[in-house]
Amino acid sequence: MFIAHLHYQRPIDVINSHVQAHRDYLDTLYATGKLIVSGRKADQTGGVIVFATSDRSEVEAIIAKDPFHSLDLATYELIEFDPAKYDPKFADIYL
């Protein structure tokens, strides 16, 4: 499983001017079942995305199309982990 930890590279007013395009893109991913949850960090220095895939190349392709990435607004720290426990409704993601 993958979590992306986004780190904003521009002032928050610049980020905010592009946030709708970023959220619209994420909506397309939710519609296809590729994401579990996403959101801005409380301190507004970045965000977090939890992916519903264990395929690193797929995650990297998703990130490459994100407006925050293509406009160099954020860097993405990918964290891969193996869930030891999870809610059964997510079993098809991990098994």
PDB file of N, CA and C in Angstrom:
ATOM      1  N   MET A   1       0.848  -1.176   0.000  1.00  0.00           N
ATOM      2  CA  MET A   1       0.000   0.000   0.000  1.00  0.00           C
ATOM      3  C   MET A   1       0.890   1.233   0.000  1.00  0.00           C
ATOM      4  N   PHE A   2       0.367   2.331  -0.520  1.00  0.00           N
ATOM      5  CA  PHE A   2       1.141   3.561  -0.608  1.00  0.00           C
ATOM      6  C   PHE A   2       0.403   4.746  -0.007  1.00  0.00           C
ATOM      7  N   ILE A   3       1.191   5.578   0.639  1.00  0.00           N
ATOM      8  CA  ILE A   3       0.752   6.886   1.108  1.00  0.00           C
ATOM      9  C   ILE A   3       1.697   7.892   0.472  1.00  0.00           C
ATOM     10  N   ALA A   4       1.153   8.961  -0.061  1.00  0.00           N
ATOM     11  CA  ALA A   4       1.980  10.061  -0.558  1.00  0.00           C
ATOM     12  C   ALA A   4       1.885  11.200   0.444  1.00  0.00           C
ATOM     13  N   HIS A   5       3.042  11.664   0.864  1.00  0.00           N
ATOM     14  CA  HIS A   5       3.124  12.828   1.749  1.00  0.00           C
ATOM     15  C   HIS A   5       3.584  13.980   0.863  1.00  0.00           C
ATOM     16  N   LEU A   6       2.682  14.923   0.625  1.00  0.00           N
ATOM     17  CA  LEU A   6       2.992  16.059  -0.241  1.00  0.00           C
ATOM     18  C   LEU A   6       3.605  17.186   0.573  1.00  0.00           C
ATOM     19  N   HIS A   7       4.617  17.816  -0.011  1.00  0.00           N
ATOM     20  CA  HIS A   7       5.283  18.964   0.603  1.00  0.00           C
ATOM     21  C   HIS A   7       5.161  20.130  -0.376  1.00  0.00           C
ATOM     22  N   TYR A   8       4.422  21.162   0.020  1.00  0.00           N
ATOM     23  CA  TYR A   8       4.248  22.316  -0.857  1.00  0.00           C
ATOM     24  C   TYR A   8       5.579  23.013  -1.103  1.00  0.00           C
ATOM     25  N   GLN A   9       5.775  23.445  -2.348  1.00  0.00           N
ATOM     26  CA  GLN A   9       7.013  24.110  -2.758  1.00  0.00           C
ATOM     27  C   GLN A   9       6.806  25.583  -3.090  1.00  0.00           C
ATOM     28  N   ARG A  10       5.577  26.041  -2.946  1.00  0.00           N
ATOM     29  CA  ARG A  10       5.246  27.434  -3.257  1.00  0.00           C
ATOM     30  C   ARG A  10       4.441  28.012  -2.101  1.00  0.00           C
ATOM     31  N   PRO A  11       4.318  29.343  -2.026  1.00  0.00           N
ATOM     32  CA  PRO A  11       3.492  29.965  -0.979  1.00  0.00           C
ATOM     33  C   PRO A  11       2.048  29.461  -1.059  1.00  0.00           C
ATOM     34  N   ILE A  12       1.373  29.477   0.069  1.00  0.00           N
ATOM     35  CA  ILE A  12       0.018  28.925   0.159  1.00  0.00           C
ATOM     36  C   ILE A  12      -0.968  29.628  -0.776  1.00  0.00           C
ATOM     37  N   ASP A  13      -0.777  30.917  -1.058  1.00  0.00           N
ATOM     38  CA  ASP A  13      -1.689  31.589  -1.984  1.00  0.00           C
ATOM     39  C   ASP A  13      -1.550  31.038  -3.402  1.00  0.00           C
ATOM     40  N   VAL A  14      -0.343  30.645  -3.782  1.00  0.00           N
ATOM     41  CA  VAL A  14      -0.130  30.020  -5.096  1.00  0.00           C
ATOM     42  C   VAL A  14      -0.767  28.627  -5.101  1.00  0.00           C
ATOM     43  N   ILE A  15      -0.554  27.875  -4.033  1.00  0.00           N
ATOM     44  CA  ILE A  15      -1.170  26.546  -3.915  1.00  0.00           C
ATOM     45  C   ILE A  15      -2.687  26.676  -4.034  1.00  0.00           C
ATOM     46  N   ASN A  16      -3.261  27.609  -3.278  1.00  0.00           N
ATOM     47  CA  ASN A  16      -4.717  27.767  -3.270  1.00  0.00           C
ATOM     48  C   ASN A  16      -5.274  28.114  -4.644  1.00  0.00           C
ATOM     49  N   SER A  17      -4.497  28.809  -5.454  1.00  0.00           N
ATOM     50  CA  SER A  17      -4.987  29.169  -6.787  1.00  0.00           C
ATOM     51  C   SER A  17      -5.060  27.955  -7.719  1.00  0.00           C
ATOM     52  N   HIS A  18      -4.451  26.839  -7.322  1.00  0.00           N
ATOM     53  CA  HIS A  18      -4.462  25.618  -8.136  1.00  0.00           C
ATOM     54  C   HIS A  18      -5.157  24.452  -7.448  1.00  0.00           C
ATOM     55  N   VAL A  19      -5.662  24.677  -6.253  1.00  0.00           N
ATOM     56  CA  VAL A  19      -6.229  23.571  -5.489  1.00  0.00           C
ATOM     57  C   VAL A  19      -7.457  22.969  -6.162  1.00  0.00           C
ATOM     58  N   GLN A  20      -8.266  23.748  -6.855  1.00  0.00           N
ATOM     59  CA  GLN A  20      -9.453  23.180  -7.500  1.00  0.00           C
ATOM     60  C   GLN A  20      -9.064  22.203  -8.603  1.00  0.00           C
ATOM     61  N   ALA A  21      -8.052  22.532  -9.393  1.00  0.00           N
ATOM     62  CA  ALA A  21      -7.599  21.609 -10.439  1.00  0.00           C
ATOM     63  C   ALA A  21      -7.075  20.308  -9.824  1.00  0.00           C
ATOM     64  N   HIS A  22      -6.352  20.431  -8.730  1.00  0.00           N
ATOM     65  CA  HIS A  22      -5.842  19.253  -8.013  1.00  0.00           C
ATOM     66  C   HIS A  22      -7.011  18.405  -7.503  1.00  0.00           C
ATOM     67  N   ARG A  23      -7.990  19.031  -6.885  1.00  0.00           N
ATOM     68  CA  ARG A  23      -9.145  18.290  -6.345  1.00  0.00           C
ATOM     69  C   ARG A  23      -9.990  17.678  -7.452  1.00  0.00           C
ATOM     70  N   ASP A  24     -10.126  18.371  -8.554  1.00  0.00           N
ATOM     71  CA  ASP A  24     -10.858  17.810  -9.697  1.00  0.00           C
ATOM     72  C   ASP A  24     -10.160  16.542 -10.195  1.00  0.00           C
ATOM     73  N   TYR A  25      -8.836  16.600 -10.257  1.00  0.00           N
ATOM     74  CA  TYR A  25      -8.076  15.416 -10.673  1.00  0.00           C
ATOM     75  C   TYR A  25      -8.279  14.274  -9.680  1.00  0.00           C
ATOM     76  N   LEU A  26      -8.200  14.579  -8.387  1.00  0.00           N
ATOM     77  CA  LEU A  26      -8.415  13.538  -7.383  1.00  0.00           C
ATOM     78  C   LEU A  26      -9.812  12.941  -7.503  1.00  0.00           C
ATOM     79  N   ASP A  27     -10.802  13.760  -7.833  1.00  0.00           N
ATOM     80  CA  ASP A  27     -12.167  13.255  -8.013  1.00  0.00           C
ATOM     81  C   ASP A  27     -12.220  12.174  -9.089  1.00  0.00           C
ATOM     82  N   THR A  28     -11.452  12.334 -10.160  1.00  0.00           N
ATOM     83  CA  THR A  28     -11.435  11.304 -11.207  1.00  0.00           C
ATOM     84  C   THR A  28     -10.858  10.001 -10.671  1.00  0.00           C
ATOM     85  N   LEU A  29      -9.915  10.106  -9.747  1.00  0.00           N
ATOM     86  CA  LEU A  29      -9.300   8.912  -9.161  1.00  0.00           C
ATOM     87  C   LEU A  29     -10.235   8.236  -8.167  1.00  0.00           C
ATOM     88  N   TYR A  30     -10.960   9.038  -7.386  1.00  0.00           N
ATOM     89  CA  TYR A  30     -11.968   8.455  -6.493  1.00  0.00           C
ATOM     90  C   TYR A  30     -13.034   7.719  -7.305  1.00  0.00           C
ATOM     91  N   ALA A  31     -13.430   8.288  -8.422  1.00  0.00           N
ATOM     92  CA  ALA A  31     -14.473   7.689  -9.255  1.00  0.00           C
ATOM     93  C   ALA A  31     -14.061   6.323  -9.805  1.00  0.00           C
ATOM     94  N   THR A  32     -12.756   6.112  -9.954  1.00  0.00           N
ATOM     95  CA  THR A  32     -12.260   4.826 -10.465  1.00  0.00           C
ATOM     96  C   THR A  32     -11.748   3.921  -9.353  1.00  0.00           C
ATOM     97  N   GLY A  33     -11.914   4.340  -8.089  1.00  0.00           N
ATOM     98  CA  GLY A  33     -11.526   3.493  -6.965  1.00  0.00           C
ATOM     99  C   GLY A  33     -10.045   3.456  -6.665  1.00  0.00           C
ATOM    100  N   LYS A  34      -9.290   4.429  -7.130  1.00  0.00           N
ATOM    101  CA  LYS A  34      -7.834   4.432  -6.939  1.00  0.00           C
ATOM    102  C   LYS A  34      -7.375   5.066  -5.628  1.00  0.00           C
ATOM    103  N   LEU A  35      -8.261   5.842  -4.965  1.00  0.00           N
ATOM    104  CA  LEU A  35      -7.885   6.521  -3.723  1.00  0.00           C
ATOM    105  C   LEU A  35      -8.803   6.100  -2.583  1.00  0.00           C
ATOM    106  N   ILE A  36      -8.251   6.149  -1.369  1.00  0.00           N
ATOM    107  CA  ILE A  36      -9.019   5.864  -0.163  1.00  0.00           C
ATOM    108  C   ILE A  36      -9.359   7.153   0.568  1.00  0.00           C
ATOM    109  N   VAL A  37      -8.383   8.030   0.724  1.00  0.00           N
ATOM    110  CA  VAL A  37      -8.594   9.291   1.440  1.00  0.00           C
ATOM    111  C   VAL A  37      -7.491  10.268   1.031  1.00  0.00           C
ATOM    112  N   SER A  38      -7.800  11.559   1.121  1.00  0.00           N
ATOM    113  CA  SER A  38      -6.797  12.584   0.830  1.00  0.00           C
ATOM    114  C   SER A  38      -7.172  13.856   1.569  1.00  0.00           C
ATOM    115  N   GLY A  39      -6.193  14.715   1.781  1.00  0.00           N
ATOM    116  CA  GLY A  39      -6.489  15.990   2.407  1.00  0.00           C
ATOM    117  C   GLY A  39      -5.240  16.786   2.730  1.00  0.00           C
ATOM    118  N   ARG A  40      -5.475  18.048   3.018  1.00  0.00           N
ATOM    119  CA  ARG A  40      -4.406  18.976   3.377  1.00  0.00           C
ATOM    120  C   ARG A  40      -3.997  18.764   4.832  1.00  0.00           C
ATOM    121  N   LYS A  41      -2.713  18.883   5.103  1.00  0.00           N
ATOM    122  CA  LYS A  41      -2.239  18.831   6.483  1.00  0.00           C
ATOM    123  C   LYS A  41      -2.737  20.076   7.224  1.00  0.00           C
ATOM    124  N   ALA A  42      -2.998  19.921   8.510  1.00  0.00           N
ATOM    125  CA  ALA A  42      -3.551  21.015   9.320  1.00  0.00           C
ATOM    126  C   ALA A  42      -2.663  22.253   9.310  1.00  0.00           C
ATOM    127  N   ASP A  43      -1.349  22.060   9.197  1.00  0.00           N
ATOM    128  CA  ASP A  43      -0.442  23.215   9.191  1.00  0.00           C
ATOM    129  C   ASP A  43      -0.284  23.844   7.803  1.00  0.00           C
ATOM    130  N   GLN A  44      -1.000  23.328   6.807  1.00  0.00           N
ATOM    131  CA  GLN A  44      -1.021  23.846   5.440  1.00  0.00           C
ATOM    132  C   GLN A  44       0.350  23.872   4.764  1.00  0.00           C
ATOM    133  N   THR A  45       1.196  22.905   5.102  1.00  0.00           N
ATOM    134  CA  THR A  45       2.497  22.798   4.447  1.00  0.00           C
ATOM    135  C   THR A  45       2.531  21.681   3.413  1.00  0.00           C
ATOM    136  N   GLY A  46       1.407  21.018   3.235  1.00  0.00           N
ATOM    137  CA  GLY A  46       1.345  19.904   2.303  1.00  0.00           C
ATOM    138  C   GLY A  46       0.079  19.118   2.506  1.00  0.00           C
ATOM    139  N   GLY A  47       0.094  17.888   2.061  1.00  0.00           N
ATOM    140  CA  GLY A  47      -1.081  17.044   2.166  1.00  0.00           C
ATOM    141  C   GLY A  47      -0.713  15.583   2.231  1.00  0.00           C
ATOM    142  N   VAL A  48      -1.741  14.751   2.254  1.00  0.00           N
ATOM    143  CA  VAL A  48      -1.584  13.301   2.329  1.00  0.00           C
ATOM    144  C   VAL A  48      -2.597  12.667   1.376  1.00  0.00           C
ATOM    145  N   ILE A  49      -2.144  11.650   0.659  1.00  0.00           N
ATOM    146  CA  ILE A  49      -3.014  10.860  -0.202  1.00  0.00           C
ATOM    147  C   ILE A  49      -2.767   9.390   0.118  1.00  0.00           C
ATOM    148  N   VAL A  50      -3.841   8.638   0.349  1.00  0.00           N
ATOM    149  CA  VAL A  50      -3.743   7.191   0.568  1.00  0.00           C
ATOM    150  C   VAL A  50      -4.326   6.509  -0.667  1.00  0.00           C
ATOM    151  N   PHE A  51      -3.500   5.706  -1.307  1.00  0.00           N
ATOM    152  CA  PHE A  51      -3.874   5.046  -2.557  1.00  0.00           C
ATOM    153  C   PHE A  51      -4.491   3.679  -2.316  1.00  0.00           C
ATOM    154  N   ALA A  52      -5.413   3.297  -3.175  1.00  0.00           N
ATOM    155  CA  ALA A  52      -6.056   1.988  -3.113  1.00  0.00           C
ATOM    156  C   ALA A  52      -5.416   1.052  -4.132  1.00  0.00           C
ATOM    157  N   THR A  53      -4.107   1.055  -4.180  1.00  0.00           N
ATOM    158  CA  THR A  53      -3.366   0.159  -5.065  1.00  0.00           C
ATOM    159  C   THR A  53      -2.015  -0.158  -4.427  1.00  0.00           C
ATOM    160  N   SER A  54      -1.506  -1.337  -4.726  1.00  0.00           N
ATOM    161  CA  SER A  54      -0.185  -1.711  -4.220  1.00  0.00           C
ATOM    162  C   SER A  54       0.840  -1.734  -5.354  1.00  0.00           C
ATOM    163  N   ASP A  55       0.505  -1.158  -6.485  1.00  0.00           N
ATOM    164  CA  ASP A  55       1.375  -1.124  -7.659  1.00  0.00           C
ATOM    165  C   ASP A  55       2.095   0.230  -7.720  1.00  0.00           C
ATOM    166  N   ARG A  56       3.394   0.198  -7.437  1.00  0.00           N
ATOM    167  CA  ARG A  56       4.177   1.437  -7.381  1.00  0.00           C
ATOM    168  C   ARG A  56       4.154   2.187  -8.711  1.00  0.00           C
ATOM    169  N   SER A  57       4.261   1.482  -9.805  1.00  0.00           N
ATOM    170  CA  SER A  57       4.269   2.168 -11.109  1.00  0.00           C
ATOM    171  C   SER A  57       2.935   2.861 -11.371  1.00  0.00           C
ATOM    172  N   GLU A  58       1.847   2.271 -10.908  1.00  0.00           N
ATOM    173  CA  GLU A  58       0.545   2.913 -11.055  1.00  0.00           C
ATOM    174  C   GLU A  58       0.469   4.187 -10.214  1.00  0.00           C
ATOM    175  N   VAL A  59       0.971   4.120  -8.991  1.00  0.00           N
ATOM    176  CA  VAL A  59       0.991   5.302  -8.119  1.00  0.00           C
ATOM    177  C   VAL A  59       1.840   6.409  -8.749  1.00  0.00           C
ATOM    178  N   GLU A  60       2.998   6.058  -9.262  1.00  0.00           N
ATOM    179  CA  GLU A  60       3.871   7.051  -9.886  1.00  0.00           C
ATOM    180  C   GLU A  60       3.211   7.681 -11.112  1.00  0.00           C
ATOM    181  N   ALA A  61       2.471   6.891 -11.881  1.00  0.00           N
ATOM    182  CA  ALA A  61       1.759   7.425 -13.049  1.00  0.00           C
ATOM    183  C   ALA A  61       0.641   8.374 -12.615  1.00  0.00           C
ATOM    184  N   ILE A  62      -0.044   8.030 -11.540  1.00  0.00           N
ATOM    185  CA  ILE A  62      -1.096   8.897 -11.005  1.00  0.00           C
ATOM    186  C   ILE A  62      -0.506  10.231 -10.571  1.00  0.00           C
ATOM    187  N   ILE A  63       0.592  10.181  -9.836  1.00  0.00           N
ATOM    188  CA  ILE A  63       1.246  11.399  -9.351  1.00  0.00           C
ATOM    189  C   ILE A  63       1.707  12.267 -10.517  1.00  0.00           C
ATOM    190  N   ALA A  64       2.248  11.643 -11.543  1.00  0.00           N
ATOM    191  CA  ALA A  64       2.770  12.394 -12.695  1.00  0.00           C
ATOM    192  C   ALA A  64       1.702  13.261 -13.355  1.00  0.00           C
ATOM    193  N   LYS A  65       0.433  12.853 -13.264  1.00  0.00           N
ATOM    194  CA  LYS A  65      -0.659  13.596 -13.892  1.00  0.00           C
ATOM    195  C   LYS A  65      -1.310  14.620 -12.960  1.00  0.00           C
ATOM    196  N   ASP A  66      -0.927  14.614 -11.701  1.00  0.00           N
ATOM    197  CA  ASP A  66      -1.517  15.545 -10.733  1.00  0.00           C
ATOM    198  C   ASP A  66      -1.040  16.962 -11.034  1.00  0.00           C
ATOM    199  N   PRO A  67      -1.946  17.932 -11.139  1.00  0.00           N
ATOM    200  CA  PRO A  67      -1.525  19.313 -11.390  1.00  0.00           C
ATOM    201  C   PRO A  67      -0.509  19.841 -10.375  1.00  0.00           C
ATOM    202  N   PHE A  68      -0.609  19.436  -9.126  1.00  0.00           N
ATOM    203  CA  PHE A  68       0.387  19.879  -8.142  1.00  0.00           C
ATOM    204  C   PHE A  68       1.778  19.398  -8.529  1.00  0.00           C
ATOM    205  N   HIS A  69       1.859  18.239  -9.144  1.00  0.00           N
ATOM    206  CA  HIS A  69       3.157  17.724  -9.581  1.00  0.00           C
ATOM    207  C   HIS A  69       3.600  18.384 -10.889  1.00  0.00           C
ATOM    208  N   SER A  70       2.707  18.401 -11.865  1.00  0.00           N
ATOM    209  CA  SER A  70       3.094  18.917 -13.182  1.00  0.00           C
ATOM    210  C   SER A  70       3.413  20.405 -13.167  1.00  0.00           C
ATOM    211  N   LEU A  71       2.858  21.130 -12.212  1.00  0.00           N
ATOM    212  CA  LEU A  71       3.149  22.564 -12.077  1.00  0.00           C
ATOM    213  C   LEU A  71       4.247  22.850 -11.049  1.00  0.00           C
ATOM    214  N   ASP A  72       4.902  21.809 -10.575  1.00  0.00           N
ATOM    215  CA  ASP A  72       5.979  21.925  -9.573  1.00  0.00           C
ATOM    216  C   ASP A  72       5.537  22.671  -8.324  1.00  0.00           C
ATOM    217  N   LEU A  73       4.308  22.404  -7.888  1.00  0.00           N
ATOM    218  CA  LEU A  73       3.788  23.041  -6.679  1.00  0.00           C
ATOM    219  C   LEU A  73       4.081  22.226  -5.434  1.00  0.00           C
ATOM    220  N   ALA A  74       4.303  20.913  -5.604  1.00  0.00           N
ATOM    221  CA  ALA A  74       4.541  20.040  -4.461  1.00  0.00           C
ATOM    222  C   ALA A  74       5.488  18.917  -4.846  1.00  0.00           C
ATOM    223  N   THR A  75       6.219  18.437  -3.853  1.00  0.00           N
ATOM    224  CA  THR A  75       6.986  17.207  -4.013  1.00  0.00           C
ATOM    225  C   THR A  75       6.207  16.105  -3.302  1.00  0.00           C
ATOM    226  N   TYR A  76       6.457  14.881  -3.702  1.00  0.00           N
ATOM    227  CA  TYR A  76       5.708  13.734  -3.195  1.00  0.00           C
ATOM    228  C   TYR A  76       6.680  12.731  -2.583  1.00  0.00           C
ATOM    229  N   GLU A  77       6.534  12.525  -1.294  1.00  0.00           N
ATOM    230  CA  GLU A  77       7.300  11.492  -0.598  1.00  0.00           C
ATOM    231  C   GLU A  77       6.410  10.250  -0.553  1.00  0.00           C
ATOM    232  N   LEU A  78       6.808   9.203  -1.270  1.00  0.00           N
ATOM    233  CA  LEU A  78       6.025   7.970  -1.290  1.00  0.00           C
ATOM    234  C   LEU A  78       6.453   7.061  -0.154  1.00  0.00           C
ATOM    235  N   ILE A  79       5.482   6.593   0.595  1.00  0.00           N
ATOM    236  CA  ILE A  79       5.723   5.679   1.705  1.00  0.00           C
ATOM    237  C   ILE A  79       4.987   4.390   1.382  1.00  0.00           C
ATOM    238  N   GLU A  80       5.752   3.307   1.253  1.00  0.00           N
ATOM    239  CA  GLU A  80       5.150   2.002   1.001  1.00  0.00           C
ATOM    240  C   GLU A  80       5.136   1.217   2.307  1.00  0.00           C
ATOM    241  N   PHE A  81       4.013   0.567   2.576  1.00  0.00           N
ATOM    242  CA  PHE A  81       3.953  -0.254   3.775  1.00  0.00           C
ATOM    243  C   PHE A  81       3.026  -1.437   3.542  1.00  0.00           C
ATOM    244  N   ASP A  82       3.194  -2.461   4.356  1.00  0.00           N
ATOM    245  CA  ASP A  82       2.359  -3.648   4.305  1.00  0.00           C
ATOM    246  C   ASP A  82       1.400  -3.618   5.481  1.00  0.00           C
ATOM    247  N   PRO A  83       0.122  -3.398   5.220  1.00  0.00           N
ATOM    248  CA  PRO A  83      -0.843  -3.341   6.310  1.00  0.00           C
ATOM    249  C   PRO A  83      -0.901  -4.668   7.075  1.00  0.00           C
ATOM    250  N   ALA A  84      -0.715  -4.605   8.355  1.00  0.00           N
ATOM    251  CA  ALA A  84      -0.826  -5.789   9.200  1.00  0.00           C
ATOM    252  C   ALA A  84      -2.279  -6.004   9.625  1.00  0.00           C
ATOM    253  N   LYS A  85      -3.011  -4.927   9.751  1.00  0.00           N
ATOM    254  CA  LYS A  85      -4.426  -4.990  10.113  1.00  0.00           C
ATOM    255  C   LYS A  85      -5.164  -3.943   9.291  1.00  0.00           C
ATOM    256  N   TYR A  86      -6.417  -4.233   8.984  1.00  0.00           N
ATOM    257  CA  TYR A  86      -7.216  -3.289   8.212  1.00  0.00           C
ATOM    258  C   TYR A  86      -8.687  -3.644   8.362  1.00  0.00           C
ATOM    259  N   ASP A  87      -9.527  -2.688   8.080  1.00  0.00           N
ATOM    260  CA  ASP A  87     -10.967  -2.903   8.088  1.00  0.00           C
ATOM    261  C   ASP A  87     -11.295  -3.899   6.971  1.00  0.00           C
ATOM    262  N   PRO A  88     -12.100  -4.913   7.238  1.00  0.00           N
ATOM    263  CA  PRO A  88     -12.408  -5.917   6.217  1.00  0.00           C
ATOM    264  C   PRO A  88     -12.963  -5.354   4.910  1.00  0.00           C
ATOM    265  N   LYS A  89     -13.597  -4.185   4.946  1.00  0.00           N
ATOM    266  CA  LYS A  89     -14.134  -3.635   3.692  1.00  0.00           C
ATOM    267  C   LYS A  89     -13.031  -3.258   2.707  1.00  0.00           C
ATOM    268  N   PHE A  90     -11.766  -3.204   3.182  1.00  0.00           N
ATOM    269  CA  PHE A  90     -10.645  -2.903   2.291  1.00  0.00           C
ATOM    270  C   PHE A  90      -9.861  -4.137   1.908  1.00  0.00           C
ATOM    271  N   ALA A  91     -10.360  -5.328   2.213  1.00  0.00           N
ATOM    272  CA  ALA A  91      -9.632  -6.568   1.973  1.00  0.00           C
ATOM    273  C   ALA A  91      -9.239  -6.747   0.511  1.00  0.00           C
ATOM    274  N   ASP A  92     -10.103  -6.350  -0.418  1.00  0.00           N
ATOM    275  CA  ASP A  92      -9.790  -6.539  -1.843  1.00  0.00           C
ATOM    276  C   ASP A  92      -8.597  -5.702  -2.291  1.00  0.00           C
ATOM    277  N   ILE A  93      -8.261  -4.669  -1.563  1.00  0.00           N
ATOM    278  CA  ILE A  93      -7.092  -3.842  -1.897  1.00  0.00           C
ATOM    279  C   ILE A  93      -5.799  -4.561  -1.534  1.00  0.00           C
ATOM    280  N   TYR A  94      -5.815  -5.286  -0.436  1.00  0.00           N
ATOM    281  CA  TYR A  94      -4.588  -5.866   0.115  1.00  0.00           C
ATOM    282  C   TYR A  94      -4.373  -7.321  -0.258  1.00  0.00           C
ATOM    283  N   LEU A  95      -5.416  -8.039  -0.539  1.00  0.00           N
ATOM    284  CA  LEU A  95      -5.292  -9.471  -0.790  1.00  0.00           C
ATOM    285  C   LEU A  95      -5.148  -9.809  -2.253  1.00  0.00           C
TER     286      LEU A  95
END
